[in-house]
Protein backbone atom coordinates (compact mmCIF):
# COMPACT_ATOMS: atom_id res chain seq x y z
CA MET A 1 33.29 -0.33 5.37
CA LYS A 2 30.06 -0.28 3.37
CA SER A 3 28.75 3.14 2.42
CA ILE A 4 25.05 3.76 2.10
CA ASP A 5 23.67 6.24 -0.37
CA ILE A 6 20.85 7.80 1.64
CA SER A 7 19.27 9.21 -1.52
CA ARG A 8 18.52 5.61 -2.63
CA HIS A 9 15.97 5.35 0.16
CA THR A 10 13.81 7.90 -1.64
CA ASP A 11 14.21 6.42 -5.13
CA PHE A 12 11.08 4.30 -4.92
CA ARG A 13 8.23 5.99 -6.80
CA PRO A 14 5.24 3.65 -7.06
CA GLN A 15 2.57 3.83 -9.72
CA PRO A 16 -0.50 5.26 -7.89
CA VAL A 17 -3.31 2.83 -7.13
CA GLN A 18 -6.98 3.80 -7.40
CA ILE A 19 -9.09 2.06 -4.79
CA ARG A 20 -12.71 2.31 -3.76
CA VAL A 21 -13.77 2.13 -0.13
CA GLY A 22 -17.55 2.24 0.12
CA SER A 23 -18.58 4.88 -2.41
CA GLU A 24 -15.34 6.84 -2.16
CA ASP A 25 -12.53 6.60 -4.73
CA ILE A 26 -9.10 7.09 -3.19
CA GLU A 27 -5.79 7.48 -4.99
CA VAL A 28 -2.97 5.89 -3.00
CA ARG A 29 0.30 7.45 -4.18
CA SER A 30 2.89 6.24 -1.67
CA LEU A 31 3.71 3.68 0.98
CA ASN A 32 2.90 6.29 3.63
CA CYS A 33 -0.55 6.79 2.09
CA ALA A 34 -1.07 3.02 2.06
CA ILE A 35 -0.01 2.81 5.72
CA ASP A 36 -2.42 5.62 6.66
CA LEU A 37 -5.25 3.95 4.76
CA ILE A 38 -4.72 0.58 6.40
CA ARG A 39 -4.49 2.20 9.84
CA SER A 40 -7.79 3.98 9.17
CA LEU A 41 -9.37 0.58 8.39
CA ARG A 42 -7.96 -1.04 11.54
CA HIS A 43 -11.42 -1.52 13.10
CA ASP A 44 -13.11 -2.43 9.82
CA ARG A 45 -13.38 -5.99 8.49
CA LEU A 46 -10.73 -5.12 5.89
CA GLY A 47 -8.30 -4.14 8.61
CA ASN A 48 -8.56 -7.64 10.06
CA TYR A 49 -6.84 -8.96 6.93
CA ALA A 50 -4.11 -6.33 6.83
CA GLU A 51 -2.10 -6.66 10.04
CA MET A 52 0.88 -8.44 8.47
CA LEU A 53 0.70 -6.18 5.41
CA LEU A 54 0.92 -3.15 7.68
CA VAL A 55 4.03 -4.60 9.33
CA GLN A 56 5.61 -5.16 5.89
CA LEU A 57 4.79 -1.63 4.71
CA GLU A 58 6.14 -0.03 7.87
CA ALA A 59 9.38 -2.06 7.77
CA ALA A 60 10.20 -1.36 4.10
CA ARG A 61 13.34 0.78 3.99
CA GLU A 62 15.32 -0.24 0.91
CA PRO A 63 13.89 0.32 -2.59
CA GLU A 64 13.60 -3.44 -3.18
CA GLN A 65 11.67 -3.90 0.08
CA GLN A 66 9.47 -0.94 -0.80
CA ALA A 67 8.69 -2.39 -4.23
CA LYS A 68 7.73 -5.73 -2.68
CA ALA A 69 5.60 -3.99 -0.04
CA TRP A 70 3.85 -1.97 -2.77
CA THR A 71 3.14 -5.14 -4.74
CA ALA A 72 1.73 -6.72 -1.57
CA PHE A 73 -0.50 -3.66 -1.01
CA ARG A 74 -1.78 -3.79 -4.60
CA THR A 75 -2.44 -7.52 -4.30
CA TRP A 76 -4.26 -7.04 -0.97
CA SER A 77 -6.43 -4.20 -2.32
CA THR A 78 -7.42 -6.26 -5.37
CA ALA A 79 -8.11 -9.38 -3.28
CA CYS A 80 -10.34 -7.31 -0.97
CA GLY A 81 -12.31 -5.96 -3.94
CA LEU A 82 -10.99 -2.41 -3.56
CA ASP A 83 -9.69 -1.94 -7.11
CA ALA A 84 -11.65 1.13 -8.24
CA GLN A 85 -11.85 0.08 -11.90
CA ILE A 86 -13.21 -3.35 -11.04
CA ALA A 87 -15.59 -1.90 -8.43
CA ARG A 88 -17.04 0.60 -10.92
CA ALA A 89 -17.55 -2.12 -13.54
CA ALA A 90 -19.46 -4.36 -11.11
């Protein structure tokens, strides 16, 4: 029988991401924060591009899945022009 170390599910600690939505800078520190942000954008044009990302973020349970979901969130936020450092420089 395979044992599961429940503490491993909380091992994932992402590097926070600074994003800019409109004129507001937001620090996204966790997958839950990313999920909340994407849900808040559901009726915005950005939300139209995030449905599958939201599914991936919500389904991530294991640390490896969480890391991949975080990378996908960072990639999405950069592709949508939300990277705060890039937005400030523009």
